[in-house]
Amino acid sequence: MATALGSGTLITGPATTLFSDTKAFLDREPVAKTMVALWAVQHLVSSNRHTEMIKTQHDVISGLQKNI
């Protein structure tokens, strides 16, 4: 528990500063905010596509195993 508290104490300050700086930058630069939003959407779509691909592969493999 002491390790977790110590780590949290060391990380909280820099993380808060980094988050504040990033938020200020995105507020100043609407194009950057749009790019981050597009990246997030692309990441979500890619993750969903990957999940569907794995599910399809699993279904195909399961079907092949039933035929054996």
N, C-alpha and C. Protein backbone atom coordinates (compact mmCIF):
# COMPACT_ATOMS: atom_id res chain seq x y z
N MET A 1 0.83 -1.19 0.00
CA MET A 1 0.00 0.00 0.00
C MET A 1 0.87 1.25 0.00
N ALA A 2 1.96 1.21 0.73
CA ALA A 2 2.85 2.36 0.78
C ALA A 2 3.45 2.66 -0.59
N THR A 3 3.75 1.59 -1.33
CA THR A 3 4.31 1.77 -2.67
C THR A 3 3.31 2.47 -3.58
N ALA A 4 2.05 2.07 -3.50
CA ALA A 4 1.01 2.69 -4.32
C ALA A 4 0.83 4.16 -3.95
N LEU A 5 0.83 4.45 -2.68
CA LEU A 5 0.67 5.85 -2.26
C LEU A 5 1.88 6.69 -2.68
N GLY A 6 3.07 6.11 -2.55
CA GLY A 6 4.27 6.84 -2.96
C GLY A 6 4.29 7.08 -4.45
N SER A 7 3.92 6.08 -5.22
CA SER A 7 3.88 6.23 -6.68
C SER A 7 2.85 7.28 -7.08
N GLY A 8 1.70 7.22 -6.44
CA GLY A 8 0.65 8.20 -6.74
C GLY A 8 1.09 9.62 -6.43
N THR A 9 1.83 9.78 -5.35
CA THR A 9 2.33 11.10 -4.97
C THR A 9 3.31 11.62 -6.01
N LEU A 10 4.16 10.75 -6.53
CA LEU A 10 5.15 11.18 -7.51
C LEU A 10 4.55 11.45 -8.88
N ILE A 11 3.51 10.72 -9.25
CA ILE A 11 2.94 10.80 -10.60
C ILE A 11 1.87 11.89 -10.71
N THR A 12 1.13 12.16 -9.65
CA THR A 12 -0.02 13.06 -9.73
C THR A 12 0.35 14.46 -10.22
N GLY A 13 1.41 15.03 -9.70
CA GLY A 13 1.81 16.39 -10.10
C GLY A 13 2.14 16.49 -11.58
N PRO A 14 3.09 15.69 -12.08
CA PRO A 14 3.41 15.77 -13.51
C PRO A 14 2.23 15.40 -14.42
N ALA A 15 1.42 14.44 -14.00
CA ALA A 15 0.28 14.04 -14.83
C ALA A 15 -0.73 15.18 -14.92
N THR A 16 -0.97 15.86 -13.81
CA THR A 16 -1.89 16.99 -13.80
C THR A 16 -1.37 18.11 -14.70
N THR A 17 -0.09 18.38 -14.62
CA THR A 17 0.52 19.42 -15.47
C THR A 17 0.40 19.05 -16.94
N LEU A 18 0.71 17.81 -17.26
CA LEU A 18 0.63 17.35 -18.64
C LEU A 18 -0.80 17.44 -19.17
N PHE A 19 -1.77 17.03 -18.36
CA PHE A 19 -3.17 17.10 -18.78
C PHE A 19 -3.60 18.55 -19.00
N SER A 20 -3.21 19.43 -18.09
CA SER A 20 -3.57 20.85 -18.22
C SER A 20 -2.95 21.46 -19.47
N ASP A 21 -1.68 21.15 -19.72
CA ASP A 21 -1.00 21.69 -20.91
C ASP A 21 -1.65 21.17 -22.19
N THR A 22 -1.98 19.89 -22.20
CA THR A 22 -2.62 19.30 -23.38
C THR A 22 -3.99 19.92 -23.61
N LYS A 23 -4.76 20.09 -22.55
CA LYS A 23 -6.08 20.70 -22.67
C LYS A 23 -5.98 22.13 -23.19
N ALA A 24 -5.03 22.89 -22.67
CA ALA A 24 -4.83 24.27 -23.12
C ALA A 24 -4.44 24.31 -24.60
N PHE A 25 -3.56 23.40 -25.01
CA PHE A 25 -3.15 23.34 -26.41
C PHE A 25 -4.34 23.03 -27.31
N LEU A 26 -5.14 22.03 -26.92
CA LEU A 26 -6.29 21.66 -27.75
C LEU A 26 -7.34 22.77 -27.79
N ASP A 27 -7.45 23.54 -26.71
CA ASP A 27 -8.39 24.67 -26.72
C ASP A 27 -7.90 25.77 -27.66
N ARG A 28 -6.58 25.93 -27.77
CA ARG A 28 -6.02 26.95 -28.67
C ARG A 28 -6.05 26.52 -30.13
N GLU A 29 -5.96 25.22 -30.38
CA GLU A 29 -5.82 24.69 -31.74
C GLU A 29 -7.01 23.79 -32.09
N PRO A 30 -8.05 24.34 -32.70
CA PRO A 30 -9.22 23.52 -33.03
C PRO A 30 -8.90 22.42 -34.05
N VAL A 31 -7.92 22.64 -34.91
CA VAL A 31 -7.55 21.61 -35.88
C VAL A 31 -6.95 20.40 -35.15
N ALA A 32 -6.14 20.65 -34.15
CA ALA A 32 -5.55 19.57 -33.36
C ALA A 32 -6.65 18.80 -32.63
N LYS A 33 -7.63 19.51 -32.11
CA LYS A 33 -8.74 18.86 -31.42
C LYS A 33 -9.51 17.96 -32.39
N THR A 34 -9.70 18.44 -33.62
CA THR A 34 -10.39 17.65 -34.63
C THR A 34 -9.57 16.42 -35.00
N MET A 35 -8.26 16.58 -35.11
CA MET A 35 -7.40 15.44 -35.45
C MET A 35 -7.42 14.38 -34.35
N VAL A 36 -7.42 14.81 -33.10
CA VAL A 36 -7.49 13.87 -31.99
C VAL A 36 -8.83 13.14 -32.01
N ALA A 37 -9.91 13.85 -32.30
CA ALA A 37 -11.22 13.22 -32.38
C ALA A 37 -11.27 12.21 -33.52
N LEU A 38 -10.71 12.57 -34.68
CA LEU A 38 -10.69 11.64 -35.81
C LEU A 38 -9.83 10.41 -35.49
N TRP A 39 -8.71 10.61 -34.80
CA TRP A 39 -7.88 9.49 -34.41
C TRP A 39 -8.66 8.55 -33.48
N ALA A 40 -9.41 9.13 -32.53
CA ALA A 40 -10.18 8.31 -31.59
C ALA A 40 -11.25 7.50 -32.33
N VAL A 41 -11.91 8.11 -33.30
CA VAL A 41 -12.93 7.40 -34.08
C VAL A 41 -12.27 6.29 -34.90
N GLN A 42 -11.13 6.59 -35.52
CA GLN A 42 -10.42 5.59 -36.31
C GLN A 42 -9.98 4.43 -35.44
N HIS A 43 -9.52 4.72 -34.24
CA HIS A 43 -9.08 3.68 -33.32
C HIS A 43 -10.27 2.80 -32.92
N LEU A 44 -11.40 3.40 -32.65
CA LEU A 44 -12.60 2.65 -32.29
C LEU A 44 -13.05 1.75 -33.44
N VAL A 45 -13.08 2.28 -34.64
CA VAL A 45 -13.49 1.50 -35.81
C VAL A 45 -12.52 0.35 -36.05
N SER A 46 -11.23 0.64 -35.93
CA SER A 46 -10.22 -0.40 -36.13
C SER A 46 -10.34 -1.50 -35.07
N SER A 47 -10.58 -1.11 -33.84
CA SER A 47 -10.74 -2.09 -32.77
C SER A 47 -11.96 -2.96 -33.01
N ASN A 48 -13.06 -2.36 -33.41
CA ASN A 48 -14.27 -3.12 -33.70
C ASN A 48 -14.05 -4.07 -34.87
N ARG A 49 -13.34 -3.62 -35.90
CA ARG A 49 -13.05 -4.45 -37.06
C ARG A 49 -12.18 -5.65 -36.64
N HIS A 50 -11.21 -5.39 -35.80
CA HIS A 50 -10.34 -6.46 -35.32
C HIS A 50 -11.13 -7.49 -34.52
N THR A 51 -12.01 -7.01 -33.65
CA THR A 51 -12.84 -7.91 -32.84
C THR A 51 -13.71 -8.79 -33.73
N GLU A 52 -14.31 -8.21 -34.76
CA GLU A 52 -15.15 -8.98 -35.68
C GLU A 52 -14.32 -10.00 -36.45
N MET A 53 -13.10 -9.62 -36.85
CA MET A 53 -12.23 -10.53 -37.58
C MET A 53 -11.86 -11.74 -36.71
N ILE A 54 -11.51 -11.48 -35.46
CA ILE A 54 -11.16 -12.56 -34.54
C ILE A 54 -12.37 -13.47 -34.31
N LYS A 55 -13.55 -12.87 -34.16
CA LYS A 55 -14.77 -13.67 -33.96
C LYS A 55 -15.04 -14.54 -35.17
N THR A 56 -14.88 -13.98 -36.36
CA THR A 56 -15.10 -14.74 -37.59
C THR A 56 -14.10 -15.89 -37.69
N GLN A 57 -12.85 -15.62 -37.41
CA GLN A 57 -11.84 -16.68 -37.44
C GLN A 57 -12.16 -17.77 -36.43
N HIS A 58 -12.61 -17.38 -35.26
CA HIS A 58 -12.96 -18.36 -34.24
C HIS A 58 -14.13 -19.22 -34.71
N ASP A 59 -15.13 -18.59 -35.33
CA ASP A 59 -16.28 -19.33 -35.85
C ASP A 59 -15.86 -20.31 -36.94
N VAL A 60 -14.96 -19.88 -37.82
CA VAL A 60 -14.49 -20.75 -38.90
C VAL A 60 -13.73 -21.93 -38.31
N ILE A 61 -12.84 -21.67 -37.36
CA ILE A 61 -12.07 -22.75 -36.76
C ILE A 61 -12.98 -23.71 -36.01
N SER A 62 -13.97 -23.16 -35.30
CA SER A 62 -14.93 -24.03 -34.59
C SER A 62 -15.69 -24.91 -35.57
N GLY A 63 -16.09 -24.35 -36.71
CA GLY A 63 -16.80 -25.11 -37.72
C GLY A 63 -15.94 -26.21 -38.31
N LEU A 64 -14.65 -25.92 -38.52
CA LEU A 64 -13.74 -26.93 -39.04
C LEU A 64 -13.53 -28.06 -38.05
N GLN A 65 -13.46 -27.72 -36.77
CA GLN A 65 -13.24 -28.73 -35.75
C GLN A 65 -14.47 -29.65 -35.61
N LYS A 66 -15.65 -29.12 -35.85
CA LYS A 66 -16.87 -29.94 -35.76
C LYS A 66 -16.92 -30.95 -36.91
N ASN A 67 -16.33 -30.58 -38.05
CA ASN A 67 -16.36 -31.48 -39.21
C ASN A 67 -15.33 -32.59 -39.12
N ILE A 68 -14.42 -32.48 -38.18
CA ILE A 68 -13.36 -33.50 -38.07
C ILE A 68 -13.84 -34.69 -37.30
